Amino acid sequence: MRAGTRLTVLLLLAAAPPLRGQGFLEQFSYEGLRFSGIAVEFGGVLSNNVTTEPIGGLRVDFGVIAPRIRVVVGGSYFKGDVKPERIAEFEQRLEDVLVDCACDSISVGSISQANIELYMAFHYLIPALGRVQPYAGVGFSAHIRDGDGAVIAGTFVEDALDTVVAGVDGAVGLDIALVPRLALLAEVRGVLTSELQSVSARGGLMFRFP
């Protein structure tokens, strides 16, 4: 977590203009990092390869690393079927190479893929509007994926779908304070990886610690 925080600080240093009065680097401190809250989230995810599915996850708020920059760590899970058009493309390629195939057509059946995501994000806290705290964030993630299907079981195709990849994330959202220790969350989040691109809309409840 601290290695990722240091990397983000260096990126912000390279991109940010000089600030008056207090140096930009002096605003960053580990003193503001603490276990500030925990949330449960649910929503739906759209992707380029997998059918639309529900998604659930946990989020932990670790406080601020600098004024208006919040550190968040979380995880999520979803599982869906590979889209029919992707399956059809795969079956057509098999038919194209098997020129002596005696069958009328090739069917590989359904193929599913599960995705476990672990991520770390940095939220820029936009000035609050009453009890509503808007934010925009960037982060990075690791994705553990597991492919499954009756025809591909035990083959190199299943092995190819069982991967661990890195991703880059972006999000915009709102924290709405319901009572002093409880907040309603709403977020739209995009994830870019080498194999799967997805967008999810999530809502949840966060309990904040004193």
N, C-alpha and C. Protein backbone atom coordinates (compact mmCIF):
# COMPACT_ATOMS: atom_id res chain seq x y z
N MET A 1 0.84 -1.21 0.00
CA MET A 1 0.00 0.00 0.00
C MET A 1 0.87 1.25 0.00
N ARG A 2 1.94 1.25 0.84
CA ARG A 2 2.79 2.44 0.91
C ARG A 2 3.59 2.62 -0.37
N ALA A 3 4.00 1.50 -1.03
CA ALA A 3 4.71 1.64 -2.29
C ALA A 3 3.83 2.30 -3.34
N GLY A 4 2.56 1.90 -3.39
CA GLY A 4 1.63 2.53 -4.33
C GLY A 4 1.39 3.98 -4.01
N THR A 5 1.35 4.30 -2.71
CA THR A 5 1.16 5.69 -2.30
C THR A 5 2.34 6.55 -2.73
N ARG A 6 3.55 6.04 -2.54
CA ARG A 6 4.75 6.80 -2.95
C ARG A 6 4.75 7.05 -4.45
N LEU A 7 4.36 6.01 -5.25
CA LEU A 7 4.31 6.18 -6.69
C LEU A 7 3.33 7.27 -7.08
N THR A 8 2.16 7.29 -6.44
CA THR A 8 1.16 8.31 -6.75
C THR A 8 1.65 9.69 -6.38
N VAL A 9 2.34 9.82 -5.25
CA VAL A 9 2.89 11.11 -4.85
C VAL A 9 3.87 11.63 -5.89
N LEU A 10 4.74 10.74 -6.40
CA LEU A 10 5.70 11.15 -7.42
C LEU A 10 5.02 11.60 -8.70
N LEU A 11 3.93 10.91 -9.09
CA LEU A 11 3.19 11.31 -10.28
C LEU A 11 2.53 12.67 -10.08
N LEU A 12 1.97 12.89 -8.90
CA LEU A 12 1.36 14.19 -8.62
C LEU A 12 2.40 15.29 -8.58
N LEU A 13 3.58 14.99 -8.09
CA LEU A 13 4.65 15.98 -8.07
C LEU A 13 5.06 16.38 -9.48
N ALA A 14 5.10 15.41 -10.38
CA ALA A 14 5.51 15.70 -11.75
C ALA A 14 4.47 16.51 -12.50
N ALA A 15 3.18 16.32 -12.15
CA ALA A 15 2.11 16.96 -12.92
C ALA A 15 1.64 18.28 -12.32
N ALA A 16 1.81 18.48 -11.03
CA ALA A 16 1.21 19.63 -10.36
C ALA A 16 2.06 20.88 -10.52
N PRO A 17 1.44 22.06 -10.65
CA PRO A 17 2.17 23.31 -10.68
C PRO A 17 2.64 23.69 -9.29
N PRO A 18 3.64 24.58 -9.16
CA PRO A 18 4.10 25.00 -7.83
C PRO A 18 2.99 25.69 -7.07
N LEU A 19 2.92 25.43 -5.76
CA LEU A 19 1.92 26.05 -4.90
C LEU A 19 2.58 27.11 -4.04
N ARG A 20 1.86 28.19 -3.76
CA ARG A 20 2.38 29.28 -2.96
C ARG A 20 2.34 28.92 -1.48
N GLY A 21 3.20 29.55 -0.71
CA GLY A 21 3.20 29.37 0.74
C GLY A 21 3.81 28.04 1.12
N GLN A 22 3.04 27.00 1.12
CA GLN A 22 3.49 25.68 1.52
C GLN A 22 3.91 24.89 0.30
N GLY A 23 5.09 24.23 0.37
CA GLY A 23 5.54 23.41 -0.74
C GLY A 23 4.60 22.25 -0.99
N PHE A 24 4.52 21.85 -2.25
CA PHE A 24 3.59 20.77 -2.61
C PHE A 24 3.94 19.49 -1.88
N LEU A 25 5.22 19.16 -1.82
CA LEU A 25 5.64 17.92 -1.17
C LEU A 25 5.30 17.92 0.31
N GLU A 26 5.36 19.08 0.96
CA GLU A 26 5.12 19.16 2.39
C GLU A 26 3.67 18.85 2.76
N GLN A 27 2.77 18.89 1.78
CA GLN A 27 1.36 18.60 2.08
C GLN A 27 1.11 17.11 2.26
N PHE A 28 2.04 16.26 1.79
CA PHE A 28 1.84 14.82 1.87
C PHE A 28 2.43 14.29 3.17
N SER A 29 1.63 13.47 3.87
CA SER A 29 2.08 12.92 5.15
C SER A 29 1.32 11.64 5.43
N TYR A 30 2.01 10.67 6.03
CA TYR A 30 1.37 9.43 6.44
C TYR A 30 0.56 9.61 7.72
N GLU A 31 0.69 10.76 8.37
CA GLU A 31 0.00 10.97 9.64
C GLU A 31 -1.52 10.94 9.48
N GLY A 32 -2.01 11.29 8.30
CA GLY A 32 -3.45 11.29 8.08
C GLY A 32 -4.02 9.94 7.71
N LEU A 33 -3.15 8.93 7.50
CA LEU A 33 -3.62 7.59 7.14
C LEU A 33 -4.06 6.83 8.39
N ARG A 34 -5.29 6.38 8.39
CA ARG A 34 -5.83 5.59 9.49
C ARG A 34 -7.06 4.85 9.00
N PHE A 35 -7.47 3.86 9.74
CA PHE A 35 -8.65 3.07 9.40
C PHE A 35 -9.88 3.91 9.68
N SER A 36 -10.43 4.53 8.63
CA SER A 36 -11.48 5.53 8.81
C SER A 36 -12.89 5.01 8.58
N GLY A 37 -13.06 3.94 7.81
CA GLY A 37 -14.40 3.44 7.54
C GLY A 37 -14.38 2.20 6.69
N ILE A 38 -15.49 1.49 6.68
CA ILE A 38 -15.64 0.28 5.87
C ILE A 38 -17.03 0.27 5.25
N ALA A 39 -17.11 -0.19 3.99
CA ALA A 39 -18.38 -0.14 3.26
C ALA A 39 -18.62 -1.44 2.51
N VAL A 40 -19.90 -1.74 2.32
CA VAL A 40 -20.35 -2.84 1.47
C VAL A 40 -21.02 -2.23 0.25
N GLU A 41 -20.68 -2.74 -0.96
CA GLU A 41 -21.20 -2.17 -2.20
C GLU A 41 -21.84 -3.25 -3.06
N PHE A 42 -22.89 -2.86 -3.80
CA PHE A 42 -23.54 -3.74 -4.76
C PHE A 42 -23.91 -2.93 -5.99
N GLY A 43 -23.95 -3.59 -7.15
CA GLY A 43 -24.31 -2.89 -8.38
C GLY A 43 -24.31 -3.83 -9.56
N GLY A 44 -24.08 -3.27 -10.74
CA GLY A 44 -24.03 -4.04 -11.96
C GLY A 44 -22.82 -3.64 -12.79
N VAL A 45 -22.32 -4.58 -13.60
CA VAL A 45 -21.12 -4.33 -14.39
C VAL A 45 -21.38 -4.66 -15.86
N LEU A 46 -20.93 -3.78 -16.74
CA LEU A 46 -20.95 -3.99 -18.18
C LEU A 46 -19.52 -4.17 -18.66
N SER A 47 -19.30 -5.10 -19.60
CA SER A 47 -17.94 -5.31 -20.12
C SER A 47 -18.00 -5.67 -21.59
N ASN A 48 -16.82 -5.68 -22.21
CA ASN A 48 -16.75 -5.97 -23.64
C ASN A 48 -16.80 -7.46 -23.95
N ASN A 49 -16.54 -8.33 -22.97
CA ASN A 49 -16.47 -9.76 -23.24
C ASN A 49 -17.50 -10.60 -22.49
N VAL A 50 -17.96 -10.11 -21.33
CA VAL A 50 -18.82 -10.91 -20.46
C VAL A 50 -20.19 -10.27 -20.36
N THR A 51 -21.21 -11.10 -20.20
CA THR A 51 -22.59 -10.60 -20.10
C THR A 51 -22.75 -9.68 -18.88
N THR A 52 -23.76 -8.82 -18.93
CA THR A 52 -24.05 -7.91 -17.82
C THR A 52 -24.41 -8.72 -16.58
N GLU A 53 -23.75 -8.42 -15.47
CA GLU A 53 -23.91 -9.22 -14.26
C GLU A 53 -23.91 -8.33 -13.02
N PRO A 54 -24.47 -8.83 -11.90
CA PRO A 54 -24.34 -8.10 -10.64
C PRO A 54 -22.91 -8.18 -10.12
N ILE A 55 -22.52 -7.17 -9.35
CA ILE A 55 -21.18 -7.12 -8.76
C ILE A 55 -21.31 -6.70 -7.31
N GLY A 56 -20.48 -7.27 -6.47
CA GLY A 56 -20.48 -6.91 -5.05
C GLY A 56 -19.06 -6.73 -4.56
N GLY A 57 -18.90 -5.95 -3.51
CA GLY A 57 -17.56 -5.72 -3.02
C GLY A 57 -17.51 -5.04 -1.68
N LEU A 58 -16.29 -4.86 -1.19
CA LEU A 58 -16.00 -4.17 0.05
C LEU A 58 -15.06 -3.01 -0.24
N ARG A 59 -15.17 -1.95 0.55
CA ARG A 59 -14.28 -0.80 0.42
C ARG A 59 -13.84 -0.35 1.81
N VAL A 60 -12.56 -0.04 1.95
CA VAL A 60 -12.02 0.45 3.21
C VAL A 60 -11.42 1.83 2.97
N ASP A 61 -11.83 2.79 3.79
CA ASP A 61 -11.32 4.16 3.73
C ASP A 61 -10.13 4.27 4.70
N PHE A 62 -8.95 4.64 4.16
CA PHE A 62 -7.76 4.75 4.98
C PHE A 62 -7.36 6.19 5.26
N GLY A 63 -8.29 7.11 5.17
CA GLY A 63 -7.98 8.49 5.51
C GLY A 63 -7.33 9.24 4.36
N VAL A 64 -6.64 10.33 4.69
CA VAL A 64 -6.08 11.21 3.66
C VAL A 64 -4.56 11.20 3.71
N ILE A 65 -3.95 11.22 2.52
CA ILE A 65 -2.51 11.30 2.38
C ILE A 65 -2.05 12.74 2.17
N ALA A 66 -2.98 13.59 1.78
CA ALA A 66 -2.74 15.02 1.57
C ALA A 66 -4.10 15.71 1.61
N PRO A 67 -4.12 17.05 1.75
CA PRO A 67 -5.41 17.74 1.73
C PRO A 67 -6.23 17.37 0.50
N ARG A 68 -7.44 16.87 0.74
CA ARG A 68 -8.40 16.51 -0.30
C ARG A 68 -8.01 15.27 -1.12
N ILE A 69 -7.02 14.52 -0.69
CA ILE A 69 -6.66 13.29 -1.39
C ILE A 69 -6.83 12.11 -0.43
N ARG A 70 -7.84 11.29 -0.70
CA ARG A 70 -8.21 10.17 0.17
C ARG A 70 -7.68 8.87 -0.41
N VAL A 71 -7.25 7.97 0.47
CA VAL A 71 -6.75 6.65 0.07
C VAL A 71 -7.82 5.60 0.35
N VAL A 72 -8.14 4.82 -0.66
CA VAL A 72 -9.18 3.79 -0.54
C VAL A 72 -8.63 2.47 -1.06
N VAL A 73 -8.89 1.40 -0.33
CA VAL A 73 -8.52 0.04 -0.74
C VAL A 73 -9.79 -0.81 -0.75
N GLY A 74 -9.94 -1.65 -1.77
CA GLY A 74 -11.16 -2.45 -1.83
C GLY A 74 -11.01 -3.69 -2.69
N GLY A 75 -12.10 -4.39 -2.80
CA GLY A 75 -12.16 -5.59 -3.61
C GLY A 75 -13.58 -5.83 -4.10
N SER A 76 -13.70 -6.56 -5.21
CA SER A 76 -15.02 -6.85 -5.75
C SER A 76 -15.00 -8.20 -6.47
N TYR A 77 -16.20 -8.70 -6.76
CA TYR A 77 -16.32 -10.00 -7.43
C TYR A 77 -17.53 -10.00 -8.34
N PHE A 78 -17.35 -10.57 -9.54
CA PHE A 78 -18.49 -10.87 -10.40
C PHE A 78 -18.15 -12.08 -11.27
N LYS A 79 -19.19 -12.72 -11.75
CA LYS A 79 -19.02 -13.88 -12.64
C LYS A 79 -20.09 -13.81 -13.72
N GLY A 80 -19.69 -14.02 -14.96
CA GLY A 80 -20.64 -13.98 -16.06
C GLY A 80 -20.23 -14.91 -17.19
N ASP A 81 -21.15 -15.09 -18.14
CA ASP A 81 -20.88 -15.90 -19.32
C ASP A 81 -20.22 -15.05 -20.39
N VAL A 82 -19.28 -15.65 -21.10
CA VAL A 82 -18.69 -14.99 -22.25
C VAL A 82 -19.80 -14.71 -23.26
N LYS A 83 -19.81 -13.53 -23.83
CA LYS A 83 -20.89 -13.12 -24.72
C LYS A 83 -21.03 -14.07 -25.91
N PRO A 84 -22.29 -14.33 -26.37
CA PRO A 84 -22.52 -15.27 -27.47
C PRO A 84 -21.74 -14.92 -28.73
N GLU A 85 -21.60 -13.63 -29.04
CA GLU A 85 -20.86 -13.26 -30.25
C GLU A 85 -19.39 -13.63 -30.17
N ARG A 86 -18.82 -13.59 -28.95
CA ARG A 86 -17.43 -14.00 -28.76
C ARG A 86 -17.29 -15.52 -28.94
N ILE A 87 -18.28 -16.26 -28.39
CA ILE A 87 -18.28 -17.71 -28.57
C ILE A 87 -18.41 -18.07 -30.05
N ALA A 88 -19.31 -17.35 -30.77
CA ALA A 88 -19.52 -17.62 -32.20
C ALA A 88 -18.24 -17.36 -33.00
N GLU A 89 -17.51 -16.33 -32.66
CA GLU A 89 -16.24 -16.04 -33.34
C GLU A 89 -15.25 -17.18 -33.14
N PHE A 90 -15.18 -17.69 -31.92
CA PHE A 90 -14.27 -18.79 -31.60
C PHE A 90 -14.66 -20.05 -32.37
N GLU A 91 -15.96 -20.35 -32.40
CA GLU A 91 -16.42 -21.54 -33.12
C GLU A 91 -16.16 -21.42 -34.62
N GLN A 92 -16.34 -20.22 -35.18
CA GLN A 92 -16.09 -20.02 -36.60
C GLN A 92 -14.62 -20.22 -36.95
N ARG A 93 -13.73 -19.74 -36.07
CA ARG A 93 -12.30 -19.93 -36.31
C ARG A 93 -11.93 -21.41 -36.29
N LEU A 94 -12.56 -22.17 -35.38
CA LEU A 94 -12.30 -23.61 -35.34
C LEU A 94 -12.77 -24.28 -36.62
N GLU A 95 -13.95 -23.90 -37.10
CA GLU A 95 -14.46 -24.48 -38.33
C GLU A 95 -13.57 -24.13 -39.53
N ASP A 96 -13.01 -22.93 -39.51
CA ASP A 96 -12.16 -22.51 -40.63
C ASP A 96 -10.87 -23.33 -40.73
N VAL A 97 -10.33 -23.74 -39.59
CA VAL A 97 -9.06 -24.49 -39.62
C VAL A 97 -9.27 -25.99 -39.74
N LEU A 98 -10.45 -26.48 -39.31
CA LEU A 98 -10.74 -27.91 -39.42
C LEU A 98 -11.45 -28.17 -40.74
N VAL A 99 -10.71 -28.16 -41.83
CA VAL A 99 -11.31 -28.27 -43.16
C VAL A 99 -11.88 -29.66 -43.43
N ASP A 100 -11.36 -30.67 -42.75
CA ASP A 100 -11.83 -32.03 -42.97
C ASP A 100 -12.84 -32.49 -41.92
N CYS A 101 -13.39 -31.53 -41.18
CA CYS A 101 -14.35 -31.88 -40.12
C CYS A 101 -15.61 -32.47 -40.73
N ALA A 102 -16.04 -33.65 -40.21
CA ALA A 102 -17.23 -34.32 -40.74
C ALA A 102 -18.53 -33.76 -40.16
N CYS A 103 -18.41 -32.95 -39.12
CA CYS A 103 -19.61 -32.43 -38.47
C CYS A 103 -20.13 -31.20 -39.21
N ASP A 104 -21.43 -30.93 -39.05
CA ASP A 104 -22.04 -29.77 -39.70
C ASP A 104 -21.54 -28.46 -39.09
N SER A 105 -21.37 -28.43 -37.78
CA SER A 105 -20.89 -27.23 -37.10
C SER A 105 -20.23 -27.62 -35.80
N ILE A 106 -19.47 -26.68 -35.25
CA ILE A 106 -18.77 -26.91 -33.99
C ILE A 106 -19.44 -26.07 -32.91
N SER A 107 -19.67 -26.68 -31.76
CA SER A 107 -20.25 -25.95 -30.63
C SER A 107 -19.40 -26.19 -29.39
N VAL A 108 -18.94 -25.13 -28.79
CA VAL A 108 -18.13 -25.26 -27.57
C VAL A 108 -18.98 -25.05 -26.32
N GLY A 109 -20.28 -24.81 -26.51
CA GLY A 109 -21.15 -24.59 -25.37
C GLY A 109 -20.90 -23.26 -24.70
N SER A 110 -21.32 -23.15 -23.47
CA SER A 110 -21.16 -21.90 -22.73
C SER A 110 -19.81 -21.89 -22.01
N ILE A 111 -19.23 -20.70 -21.92
CA ILE A 111 -17.98 -20.49 -21.19
C ILE A 111 -18.20 -19.33 -20.23
N SER A 112 -17.86 -19.52 -18.98
CA SER A 112 -18.02 -18.47 -17.98
C SER A 112 -16.66 -17.99 -17.52
N GLN A 113 -16.65 -16.80 -16.93
CA GLN A 113 -15.42 -16.26 -16.38
C GLN A 113 -15.74 -15.48 -15.11
N ALA A 114 -15.03 -15.81 -14.04
CA ALA A 114 -15.17 -15.10 -12.77
C ALA A 114 -14.01 -14.14 -12.61
N ASN A 115 -14.26 -13.01 -11.95
CA ASN A 115 -13.24 -11.98 -11.77
C ASN A 115 -13.22 -11.50 -10.33
N ILE A 116 -12.08 -11.65 -9.67
CA ILE A 116 -11.84 -11.08 -8.35
C ILE A 116 -10.89 -9.91 -8.53
N GLU A 117 -11.31 -8.74 -8.06
CA GLU A 117 -10.50 -7.53 -8.21
C GLU A 117 -10.07 -7.01 -6.84
N LEU A 118 -8.78 -6.68 -6.73
CA LEU A 118 -8.24 -6.00 -5.56
C LEU A 118 -7.66 -4.68 -6.05
N TYR A 119 -8.05 -3.57 -5.42
CA TYR A 119 -7.63 -2.29 -5.97
C TYR A 119 -7.23 -1.30 -4.87
N MET A 120 -6.47 -0.31 -5.30
CA MET A 120 -6.11 0.83 -4.45
C MET A 120 -6.37 2.08 -5.26
N ALA A 121 -7.10 3.04 -4.68
CA ALA A 121 -7.49 4.25 -5.41
C ALA A 121 -7.22 5.48 -4.57
N PHE A 122 -7.06 6.60 -5.29
CA PHE A 122 -6.84 7.89 -4.66
C PHE A 122 -7.95 8.83 -5.13
N HIS A 123 -8.77 9.28 -4.18
CA HIS A 123 -9.92 10.13 -4.49
C HIS A 123 -9.59 11.59 -4.21
N TYR A 124 -9.83 12.42 -5.20
CA TYR A 124 -9.75 13.86 -4.97
C TYR A 124 -11.11 14.33 -4.48
N LEU A 125 -11.15 14.89 -3.29
CA LEU A 125 -12.42 15.30 -2.67
C LEU A 125 -12.78 16.70 -3.12
N ILE A 126 -13.78 16.79 -3.98
CA ILE A 126 -14.28 18.07 -4.46
C ILE A 126 -15.00 18.76 -3.30
N PRO A 127 -14.94 20.09 -3.20
CA PRO A 127 -15.63 20.77 -2.09
C PRO A 127 -17.06 20.28 -1.91
N ALA A 128 -17.41 19.97 -0.67
CA ALA A 128 -18.70 19.36 -0.37
C ALA A 128 -19.86 20.33 -0.56
N LEU A 129 -21.01 19.75 -0.88
CA LEU A 129 -22.26 20.50 -1.01
C LEU A 129 -23.18 20.05 0.12
N GLY A 130 -23.06 20.70 1.26
CA GLY A 130 -23.83 20.26 2.42
C GLY A 130 -23.35 18.90 2.88
N ARG A 131 -24.26 17.92 2.89
CA ARG A 131 -23.90 16.57 3.31
C ARG A 131 -23.39 15.71 2.15
N VAL A 132 -23.32 16.28 0.98
CA VAL A 132 -22.90 15.53 -0.21
C VAL A 132 -21.44 15.82 -0.51
N GLN A 133 -20.61 14.77 -0.53
CA GLN A 133 -19.19 14.89 -0.83
C GLN A 133 -18.89 14.26 -2.20
N PRO A 134 -18.75 15.08 -3.27
CA PRO A 134 -18.38 14.52 -4.57
C PRO A 134 -16.88 14.20 -4.60
N TYR A 135 -16.50 13.28 -5.47
CA TYR A 135 -15.08 12.95 -5.62
C TYR A 135 -14.82 12.37 -7.01
N ALA A 136 -13.57 12.45 -7.41
CA ALA A 136 -13.09 11.81 -8.63
C ALA A 136 -11.79 11.10 -8.29
N GLY A 137 -11.61 9.90 -8.81
CA GLY A 137 -10.45 9.12 -8.40
C GLY A 137 -9.78 8.36 -9.51
N VAL A 138 -8.53 8.00 -9.27
CA VAL A 138 -7.75 7.13 -10.14
C VAL A 138 -7.08 6.08 -9.27
N GLY A 139 -6.73 4.96 -9.86
CA GLY A 139 -6.08 3.92 -9.08
C GLY A 139 -5.55 2.81 -9.95
N PHE A 140 -5.10 1.76 -9.29
CA PHE A 140 -4.60 0.59 -10.00
C PHE A 140 -5.14 -0.64 -9.31
N SER A 141 -5.16 -1.77 -10.04
CA SER A 141 -5.82 -2.96 -9.51
C SER A 141 -5.16 -4.23 -10.01
N ALA A 142 -5.43 -5.32 -9.31
CA ALA A 142 -5.03 -6.66 -9.73
C ALA A 142 -6.29 -7.50 -9.90
N HIS A 143 -6.34 -8.28 -10.97
CA HIS A 143 -7.53 -9.06 -11.30
C HIS A 143 -7.17 -10.54 -11.41
N ILE A 144 -7.83 -11.35 -10.60
CA ILE A 144 -7.65 -12.80 -10.62
C ILE A 144 -8.86 -13.39 -11.33
N ARG A 145 -8.63 -14.03 -12.47
CA ARG A 145 -9.74 -14.51 -13.31
C ARG A 145 -9.70 -16.03 -13.45
N ASP A 146 -10.90 -16.61 -13.50
CA ASP A 146 -11.04 -18.06 -13.62
C ASP A 146 -12.07 -18.38 -14.69
N GLY A 147 -11.64 -19.06 -15.75
CA GLY A 147 -12.54 -19.48 -16.82
C GLY A 147 -13.04 -20.89 -16.60
N ASP A 148 -14.26 -21.15 -17.08
CA ASP A 148 -14.85 -22.47 -16.85
C ASP A 148 -15.81 -22.80 -18.00
N GLY A 149 -15.88 -24.07 -18.37
CA GLY A 149 -16.78 -24.53 -19.42
C GLY A 149 -16.63 -26.02 -19.60
N ALA A 150 -17.73 -26.70 -19.95
CA ALA A 150 -17.70 -28.16 -20.08
C ALA A 150 -16.73 -28.62 -21.15
N VAL A 151 -16.69 -27.94 -22.29
CA VAL A 151 -15.84 -28.37 -23.40
C VAL A 151 -14.38 -28.01 -23.17
N ILE A 152 -14.12 -26.84 -22.57
CA ILE A 152 -12.73 -26.39 -22.42
C ILE A 152 -12.09 -26.90 -21.14
N ALA A 153 -12.82 -27.59 -20.26
CA ALA A 153 -12.28 -28.04 -18.98
C ALA A 153 -11.04 -28.90 -19.19
N GLY A 154 -9.97 -28.54 -18.50
CA GLY A 154 -8.73 -29.30 -18.57
C GLY A 154 -7.89 -29.04 -19.80
N THR A 155 -8.28 -28.08 -20.65
CA THR A 155 -7.54 -27.79 -21.87
C THR A 155 -6.74 -26.49 -21.71
N PHE A 156 -5.90 -26.20 -22.73
CA PHE A 156 -5.11 -24.97 -22.69
C PHE A 156 -6.00 -23.74 -22.81
N VAL A 157 -7.21 -23.89 -23.35
CA VAL A 157 -8.13 -22.75 -23.44
C VAL A 157 -8.54 -22.31 -22.04
N GLU A 158 -8.84 -23.28 -21.17
CA GLU A 158 -9.17 -22.94 -19.79
C GLU A 158 -7.97 -22.31 -19.09
N ASP A 159 -6.77 -22.86 -19.35
CA ASP A 159 -5.57 -22.29 -18.75
C ASP A 159 -5.36 -20.84 -19.19
N ALA A 160 -5.68 -20.55 -20.46
CA ALA A 160 -5.52 -19.18 -20.97
C ALA A 160 -6.48 -18.20 -20.31
N LEU A 161 -7.66 -18.70 -19.90
CA LEU A 161 -8.65 -17.85 -19.24
C LEU A 161 -8.38 -17.69 -17.76
N ASP A 162 -7.54 -18.57 -17.20
CA ASP A 162 -7.17 -18.47 -15.78
C ASP A 162 -5.92 -17.59 -15.68
N THR A 163 -6.13 -16.30 -15.43
CA THR A 163 -5.03 -15.35 -15.49
C THR A 163 -5.05 -14.41 -14.28
N VAL A 164 -3.93 -13.74 -14.08
CA VAL A 164 -3.81 -12.63 -13.14
C VAL A 164 -3.24 -11.45 -13.91
N VAL A 165 -4.00 -10.36 -13.99
CA VAL A 165 -3.59 -9.20 -14.78
C VAL A 165 -3.72 -7.93 -13.95
N ALA A 166 -3.01 -6.90 -14.40
CA ALA A 166 -3.07 -5.59 -13.74
C ALA A 166 -4.02 -4.68 -14.51
N GLY A 167 -4.59 -3.71 -13.81
CA GLY A 167 -5.52 -2.78 -14.44
C GLY A 167 -5.34 -1.37 -13.94
N VAL A 168 -5.91 -0.43 -14.70
CA VAL A 168 -5.95 0.98 -14.33
C VAL A 168 -7.41 1.37 -14.17
N ASP A 169 -7.73 2.09 -13.10
CA ASP A 169 -9.12 2.39 -12.75
C ASP A 169 -9.36 3.90 -12.73
N GLY A 170 -10.60 4.28 -12.99
CA GLY A 170 -11.06 5.66 -12.83
C GLY A 170 -12.47 5.66 -12.29
N ALA A 171 -12.80 6.62 -11.45
CA ALA A 171 -14.12 6.63 -10.83
C ALA A 171 -14.57 8.04 -10.52
N VAL A 172 -15.90 8.22 -10.52
CA VAL A 172 -16.53 9.43 -10.00
C VAL A 172 -17.66 8.97 -9.10
N GLY A 173 -17.89 9.73 -8.02
CA GLY A 173 -18.93 9.29 -7.10
C GLY A 173 -19.33 10.34 -6.09
N LEU A 174 -20.23 9.91 -5.20
CA LEU A 174 -20.76 10.77 -4.15
C LEU A 174 -20.80 10.01 -2.84
N ASP A 175 -20.43 10.69 -1.76
CA ASP A 175 -20.68 10.21 -0.40
C ASP A 175 -21.76 11.10 0.20
N ILE A 176 -22.85 10.52 0.63
CA ILE A 176 -23.96 11.30 1.20
C ILE A 176 -24.11 10.92 2.67
N ALA A 177 -23.81 11.87 3.55
CA ALA A 177 -23.88 11.60 4.99
C ALA A 177 -25.34 11.50 5.42
N LEU A 178 -25.73 10.33 5.93
CA LEU A 178 -27.09 10.14 6.43
C LEU A 178 -27.18 10.53 7.89
N VAL A 179 -26.24 10.04 8.68
CA VAL A 179 -26.08 10.40 10.09
C VAL A 179 -24.57 10.53 10.30
N PRO A 180 -24.12 11.00 11.46
CA PRO A 180 -22.68 11.27 11.63
C PRO A 180 -21.75 10.10 11.29
N ARG A 181 -22.14 8.86 11.52
CA ARG A 181 -21.25 7.73 11.28
C ARG A 181 -21.66 6.85 10.10
N LEU A 182 -22.68 7.22 9.37
CA LEU A 182 -23.19 6.38 8.29
C LEU A 182 -23.37 7.21 7.02
N ALA A 183 -22.83 6.69 5.90
CA ALA A 183 -22.92 7.42 4.64
C ALA A 183 -23.42 6.50 3.53
N LEU A 184 -24.20 7.07 2.62
CA LEU A 184 -24.67 6.38 1.43
C LEU A 184 -23.68 6.66 0.31
N LEU A 185 -23.26 5.60 -0.41
CA LEU A 185 -22.28 5.73 -1.48
C LEU A 185 -22.93 5.49 -2.83
N ALA A 186 -22.48 6.26 -3.83
CA ALA A 186 -22.89 6.04 -5.22
C ALA A 186 -21.67 6.30 -6.10
N GLU A 187 -21.37 5.36 -6.99
CA GLU A 187 -20.14 5.48 -7.78
C GLU A 187 -20.28 4.83 -9.14
N VAL A 188 -19.68 5.46 -10.14
CA VAL A 188 -19.51 4.87 -11.47
C VAL A 188 -18.01 4.67 -11.66
N ARG A 189 -17.62 3.45 -12.01
CA ARG A 189 -16.21 3.09 -12.03
C ARG A 189 -15.86 2.35 -13.31
N GLY A 190 -14.78 2.76 -13.96
CA GLY A 190 -14.29 2.10 -15.15
C GLY A 190 -12.96 1.42 -14.88
N VAL A 191 -12.77 0.25 -15.50
CA VAL A 191 -11.54 -0.52 -15.32
C VAL A 191 -11.01 -0.92 -16.70
N LEU A 192 -9.72 -0.68 -16.90
CA LEU A 192 -9.07 -1.02 -18.16
C LEU A 192 -7.96 -2.02 -17.90
N THR A 193 -8.07 -3.21 -18.53
CA THR A 193 -7.01 -4.21 -18.49
C THR A 193 -6.72 -4.66 -19.91
N SER A 194 -5.70 -5.49 -20.06
CA SER A 194 -5.31 -5.93 -21.39
C SER A 194 -6.35 -6.85 -22.03
N GLU A 195 -7.19 -7.51 -21.24
CA GLU A 195 -8.12 -8.49 -21.77
C GLU A 195 -9.59 -8.11 -21.59
N LEU A 196 -9.88 -7.24 -20.66
CA LEU A 196 -11.27 -6.94 -20.34
C LEU A 196 -11.41 -5.48 -19.94
N GLN A 197 -12.37 -4.81 -20.55
CA GLN A 197 -12.70 -3.44 -20.17
C GLN A 197 -14.12 -3.44 -19.63
N SER A 198 -14.32 -2.75 -18.51
CA SER A 198 -15.63 -2.80 -17.87
C SER A 198 -15.99 -1.46 -17.25
N VAL A 199 -17.31 -1.25 -17.09
CA VAL A 199 -17.85 -0.09 -16.39
C VAL A 199 -18.90 -0.61 -15.42
N SER A 200 -18.84 -0.15 -14.18
CA SER A 200 -19.81 -0.60 -13.19
C SER A 200 -20.43 0.60 -12.50
N ALA A 201 -21.69 0.43 -12.10
CA ALA A 201 -22.40 1.40 -11.27
C ALA A 201 -22.69 0.72 -9.95
N ARG A 202 -22.28 1.37 -8.85
CA ARG A 202 -22.38 0.74 -7.54
C ARG A 202 -23.00 1.68 -6.51
N GLY A 203 -23.66 1.08 -5.56
CA GLY A 203 -24.17 1.82 -4.42
C GLY A 203 -23.88 1.03 -3.16
N GLY A 204 -23.82 1.72 -2.03
CA GLY A 204 -23.52 1.00 -0.81
C GLY A 204 -23.67 1.87 0.41
N LEU A 205 -23.31 1.28 1.55
CA LEU A 205 -23.34 1.98 2.83
C LEU A 205 -21.97 1.88 3.48
N MET A 206 -21.49 3.02 4.00
CA MET A 206 -20.21 3.03 4.70
C MET A 206 -20.42 3.44 6.15
N PHE A 207 -19.81 2.64 7.04
CA PHE A 207 -19.78 3.00 8.45
C PHE A 207 -18.43 3.65 8.73
N ARG A 208 -18.42 4.85 9.27
CA ARG A 208 -17.20 5.59 9.54
C ARG A 208 -16.86 5.52 11.02
N PHE A 209 -15.57 5.36 11.29
CA PHE A 209 -15.08 5.26 12.66
C PHE A 209 -14.68 6.64 13.17
N PRO A 210 -14.78 6.87 14.47
CA PRO A 210 -14.42 8.18 15.01
C PRO A 210 -12.91 8.43 14.89
